[in-house]
Amino acid sequence: MKFRQGSLSVFFPAYNDAPSLPGLLEKTFHVLDACVDDYEVIVVNDGSRDNTGQVLDALAQKYGRRLKIVTHPENRGYGGALRTGFATASKDWVFYTDGDSQYDTTELPHLLGRVRRDIGLVNGYKLERNDPWHRIFIGKVYNQFARMLFRIKLRDIDCDFRLIRRDLLDAIELTSTSGTICVELVRKLELSGCGVEEVGVHHYPRLYGRSQFFRIKSLLTTFGQLLRLFTRLVVLAPAQDRVRRLRAALVRNE
């Protein structure tokens, strides 16, 4: 069944994901050809140190104009890669997932099928996390802590299998450079008042490379950015909103 709610941008942030990209893109183009009339596919190569660049050059020869490649000369972090993907995407809806193939893009139609006029975000949640036990533990703690701290209703902030209405992305500003961008993104989308749907999706073992999130340096960077984000979005934002409302009231009374 075809997606009739508009056009679709699909993008993948990639860092040292050379082995997984050919199969990932093959599955993605197959599913998009079957269910979307107007789409684009983008890969953001975030300063990879392996042969991701060469692999993408070969894939560009294979797929031609249907594949757009954006390359960061230096690694900008997961948040930087997502921000580039969002800025590059040009269609009505934007879907992204990671370039390591731990999620299956053939499940994208499950998200597309949940789109309605009042929906702004369709977010996957992991039916079962297929990672080493310590990553599962850290992921659960991080997800519960972030949901509580930022008062987020979404059940799985850490599931990067998301479909977002483009005009909502245009209306918010994202600043995070680490994995905290997922918290910032979901928090700001929920504050927009848009409708949210959640869909269970499968999560697969990582076959190639190594996760960047679960390194000590990355965890410390993420924790520091999480605290700064909390200060900006939860502590300072309400006070700033009150000041803006007061100024608007004074202007109306002049």
Protein backbone atom coordinates (compact mmCIF):
# COMPACT_ATOMS: atom_id res chain seq x y z
CA MET A 1 0.00 0.00 0.00
CA LYS A 2 1.34 3.42 -0.98
CA PHE A 3 2.03 6.23 1.48
CA ARG A 4 -0.46 8.98 0.57
CA GLN A 5 0.34 11.59 3.24
CA GLY A 6 3.08 13.44 1.32
CA SER A 7 6.70 13.05 0.32
CA LEU A 8 9.42 11.42 2.42
CA SER A 9 13.07 12.09 3.23
CA VAL A 10 15.03 9.14 4.63
CA PHE A 11 18.47 9.71 6.09
CA PHE A 12 21.14 7.76 7.90
CA PRO A 13 23.87 9.21 10.12
CA ALA A 14 26.96 7.07 9.51
CA TYR A 15 30.24 6.84 11.37
CA ASN A 16 32.55 3.96 10.45
CA ASP A 17 29.58 1.99 9.07
CA ALA A 18 31.11 0.91 5.75
CA PRO A 19 30.24 -2.83 6.06
CA SER A 20 26.55 -2.25 6.84
CA LEU A 21 25.70 0.49 4.35
CA PRO A 22 25.35 -1.54 1.10
CA GLY A 23 22.77 -3.94 2.55
CA LEU A 24 21.01 -1.15 4.44
CA LEU A 25 20.56 0.99 1.33
CA GLU A 26 19.50 -1.95 -0.82
CA LYS A 27 16.68 -2.81 1.61
CA THR A 28 15.74 0.85 1.97
CA PHE A 29 15.40 1.55 -1.74
CA HIS A 30 13.41 -1.66 -2.15
CA VAL A 31 10.87 -0.73 0.52
CA LEU A 32 10.62 2.90 -0.63
CA ASP A 33 10.04 1.91 -4.25
CA ALA A 34 7.18 -0.29 -3.05
CA CYS A 35 5.37 2.16 -0.75
CA VAL A 36 6.38 5.81 -1.42
CA ASP A 37 5.90 7.78 -4.64
CA ASP A 38 8.10 10.78 -3.82
CA TYR A 39 11.19 10.22 -1.69
CA GLU A 40 14.88 10.99 -1.23
CA VAL A 41 17.63 9.05 0.56
CA ILE A 42 20.49 10.81 2.33
CA VAL A 43 23.58 9.48 4.10
CA VAL A 44 25.52 11.80 6.41
CA ASN A 45 29.10 10.56 6.62
CA ASP A 46 30.18 12.03 9.95
CA GLY A 47 33.95 12.13 9.50
CA SER A 48 34.32 8.33 9.29
CA ARG A 49 37.85 6.96 9.65
CA ASP A 50 37.22 3.67 7.87
CA ASN A 51 36.40 3.28 4.16
CA THR A 52 32.84 4.60 4.50
CA GLY A 53 33.66 7.36 2.01
CA GLN A 54 34.80 4.90 -0.66
CA VAL A 55 31.80 2.64 -0.07
CA LEU A 56 29.46 5.61 -0.44
CA ASP A 57 31.20 6.67 -3.66
CA ALA A 58 30.50 3.21 -5.09
CA LEU A 59 26.89 3.33 -3.90
CA ALA A 60 26.46 6.75 -5.49
CA GLN A 61 27.48 5.19 -8.82
CA LYS A 62 24.88 2.47 -8.28
CA TYR A 63 21.94 4.62 -7.20
CA GLY A 64 22.76 7.88 -8.99
CA ARG A 65 20.62 10.90 -8.15
CA ARG A 66 18.40 8.86 -5.86
CA LEU A 67 21.17 8.92 -3.22
CA LYS A 68 22.47 12.13 -1.70
CA ILE A 69 25.71 12.02 0.31
CA VAL A 70 26.77 14.71 2.78
CA THR A 71 30.27 14.42 4.23
CA HIS A 72 31.64 16.06 7.38
CA PRO A 73 35.44 16.43 7.07
CA GLU A 74 35.63 16.09 10.87
CA ASN A 75 33.43 14.08 13.22
CA ARG A 76 30.72 16.35 14.67
CA GLY A 77 29.11 13.80 16.96
CA TYR A 78 25.76 12.09 16.70
CA GLY A 79 23.83 15.29 17.31
CA GLY A 80 25.82 17.11 14.65
CA ALA A 81 25.09 14.35 12.14
CA LEU A 82 21.36 14.43 12.89
CA ARG A 83 21.21 18.20 12.59
CA THR A 84 22.86 18.00 9.18
CA GLY A 85 20.40 15.31 8.12
CA PHE A 86 17.41 17.36 9.24
CA ALA A 87 18.77 20.46 7.47
CA THR A 88 19.39 18.52 4.25
CA ALA A 89 16.02 16.75 4.14
CA SER A 90 13.56 18.53 1.85
CA LYS A 91 10.37 16.42 1.85
CA ASP A 92 7.12 16.63 3.87
CA TRP A 93 8.12 13.89 6.30
CA VAL A 94 11.56 12.95 7.63
CA PHE A 95 12.56 9.47 8.74
CA TYR A 96 15.93 8.55 10.17
CA THR A 97 17.63 5.58 11.71
CA ASP A 98 21.27 4.70 12.33
CA GLY A 99 23.66 3.49 9.65
CA ASP A 100 24.74 0.41 11.63
CA SER A 101 21.65 -1.66 10.62
CA GLN A 102 20.54 -2.45 14.17
CA TYR A 103 17.07 -1.48 13.00
CA ASP A 104 15.37 -2.92 9.92
CA THR A 105 14.13 -0.35 7.40
CA THR A 106 11.64 -2.87 6.03
CA GLU A 107 9.63 -2.01 9.16
CA LEU A 108 9.29 1.62 8.01
CA PRO A 109 5.81 0.97 6.52
CA HIS A 110 4.56 0.22 10.06
CA LEU A 111 5.40 3.85 10.95
CA LEU A 112 4.00 5.26 7.72
CA GLY A 113 0.73 3.47 8.39
CA ARG A 114 0.26 5.40 11.66
CA VAL A 115 0.36 8.84 10.03
CA ARG A 116 -2.79 10.95 10.35
CA ARG A 117 -3.50 14.64 10.03
CA ASP A 118 -3.02 15.27 13.77
CA ILE A 119 0.19 13.22 14.10
CA GLY A 120 3.60 14.91 14.14
CA LEU A 121 5.85 12.11 15.42
CA VAL A 122 5.74 8.35 14.93
CA ASN A 123 8.40 6.79 17.12
CA GLY A 124 9.56 3.21 17.34
CA TYR A 125 10.20 1.43 20.61
CA LYS A 126 12.43 -1.61 20.93
CA LEU A 127 10.48 -4.84 21.39
CA GLU A 128 13.70 -6.34 22.75
CA ARG A 129 17.16 -4.81 22.90
CA ASN A 130 19.85 -7.02 21.35
CA ASP A 131 23.01 -5.66 22.92
CA PRO A 132 25.49 -6.88 25.55
CA TRP A 133 24.00 -6.87 29.04
CA HIS A 134 25.94 -3.78 30.21
CA ARG A 135 24.62 -1.74 27.29
CA ILE A 136 21.08 -2.90 28.00
CA PHE A 137 21.49 -1.84 31.66
CA ILE A 138 23.02 1.56 30.83
CA GLY A 139 20.36 2.14 28.17
CA LYS A 140 17.51 1.41 30.58
CA VAL A 141 18.96 3.68 33.27
CA TYR A 142 19.58 6.49 30.77
CA ASN A 143 16.09 6.20 29.28
CA GLN A 144 14.31 6.20 32.64
CA PHE A 145 16.48 9.00 34.03
CA ALA A 146 15.97 11.23 30.97
CA ARG A 147 12.21 10.60 30.84
CA MET A 148 11.85 11.51 34.51
CA LEU A 149 14.17 14.53 34.37
CA PHE A 150 12.57 16.06 31.28
CA ARG A 151 9.00 14.83 31.96
CA ILE A 152 8.90 13.00 28.62
CA LYS A 153 5.97 10.69 27.94
CA LEU A 154 7.52 8.72 25.08
CA ARG A 155 8.45 5.25 26.31
CA ASP A 156 11.77 4.80 24.44
CA ILE A 157 13.80 7.96 23.89
CA ASP A 158 16.77 5.84 22.86
CA CYS A 159 15.03 4.22 19.86
CA ASP A 160 16.34 6.02 16.79
CA PHE A 161 13.66 4.83 14.39
CA ARG A 162 11.64 8.02 13.94
CA LEU A 163 9.25 9.60 11.47
CA ILE A 164 8.70 13.34 11.95
CA ARG A 165 6.56 15.92 10.20
CA ARG A 166 8.87 18.36 8.42
CA ASP A 167 7.11 21.59 9.46
CA LEU A 168 7.63 20.69 13.13
CA LEU A 169 11.37 20.30 12.56
CA ASP A 170 11.41 23.72 10.90
CA ALA A 171 9.76 25.22 13.97
CA ILE A 172 12.27 23.99 16.57
CA GLU A 173 15.97 24.67 17.05
CA LEU A 174 18.27 21.79 18.01
CA THR A 175 21.65 22.53 19.60
CA SER A 176 22.98 19.22 20.99
CA THR A 177 26.02 17.57 19.40
CA SER A 178 25.94 14.28 21.33
CA GLY A 179 23.26 11.61 21.82
CA THR A 180 21.34 14.07 24.00
CA ILE A 181 19.87 15.43 20.77
CA CYS A 182 17.27 12.64 21.03
CA VAL A 183 16.11 13.99 24.40
CA GLU A 184 16.10 17.56 23.08
CA LEU A 185 14.21 16.53 19.94
CA VAL A 186 11.52 14.51 21.71
CA ARG A 187 11.06 17.08 24.48
CA LYS A 188 10.57 19.93 22.00
CA LEU A 189 8.23 17.88 19.82
CA GLU A 190 6.10 16.94 22.83
CA LEU A 191 5.98 20.58 23.93
CA SER A 192 4.69 21.51 20.46
CA GLY A 193 1.50 19.62 21.28
CA CYS A 194 1.69 17.42 18.19
CA GLY A 195 0.10 13.99 18.19
CA VAL A 196 2.47 11.10 18.88
CA GLU A 197 2.18 7.46 17.86
CA GLU A 198 4.47 4.64 19.03
CA VAL A 199 5.21 1.42 17.16
CA GLY A 200 7.12 -1.63 18.36
CA VAL A 201 10.12 -2.45 16.17
CA HIS A 202 12.82 -5.09 16.24
CA HIS A 203 16.37 -4.35 17.36
CA TYR A 204 19.22 -6.50 16.07
CA PRO A 205 22.76 -7.21 17.29
CA ARG A 206 25.45 -4.90 15.99
CA LEU A 207 27.42 -6.95 13.44
CA TYR A 208 30.10 -4.41 12.55
CA GLY A 209 32.09 -1.74 14.32
CA ARG A 210 31.61 -0.37 17.79
CA SER A 211 29.00 1.90 19.31
CA GLN A 212 30.22 5.44 19.97
CA PHE A 213 27.71 6.09 22.74
CA PHE A 214 29.02 3.50 25.19
CA ARG A 215 32.56 4.85 25.47
CA ILE A 216 33.65 6.63 28.65
CA LYS A 217 34.38 9.91 26.87
CA SER A 218 31.05 9.81 25.03
CA LEU A 219 29.12 8.99 28.21
CA LEU A 220 30.75 11.89 30.07
CA THR A 221 30.05 14.26 27.19
CA THR A 222 26.45 13.08 27.03
CA PHE A 223 25.96 13.48 30.79
CA GLY A 224 27.37 17.01 30.74
CA GLN A 225 25.19 18.01 27.80
CA LEU A 226 22.17 16.42 29.48
CA LEU A 227 22.62 18.64 32.54
CA ARG A 228 23.05 21.75 30.39
CA LEU A 229 20.00 20.78 28.38
CA PHE A 230 17.98 20.33 31.57
CA THR A 231 19.03 23.79 32.76
CA ARG A 232 18.03 25.37 29.46
CA LEU A 233 14.77 23.50 28.73
CA VAL A 234 13.36 22.82 32.19
CA VAL A 235 14.87 25.36 34.61
CA LEU A 236 15.25 28.50 32.50
CA ALA A 237 12.58 28.07 29.80
CA PRO A 238 9.52 28.55 32.08
CA ALA A 239 10.99 31.77 33.51
CA GLN A 240 11.79 33.03 30.01
CA ASP A 241 8.24 32.25 28.89
CA ARG A 242 6.82 34.22 31.82
CA VAL A 243 9.00 37.21 30.90
CA ARG A 244 7.82 37.04 27.27
CA ARG A 245 4.16 36.88 28.34
CA LEU A 246 4.65 39.83 30.69
CA ARG A 247 6.27 41.91 27.96
CA ALA A 248 3.46 41.03 25.55
CA ALA A 249 0.86 42.05 28.14
CA LEU A 250 2.63 45.38 28.72
CA VAL A 251 2.70 46.08 24.98
CA ARG A 252 -1.03 45.34 24.68
CA ASN A 253 -1.79 47.73 27.58
CA GLU A 254 0.20 50.64 26.19
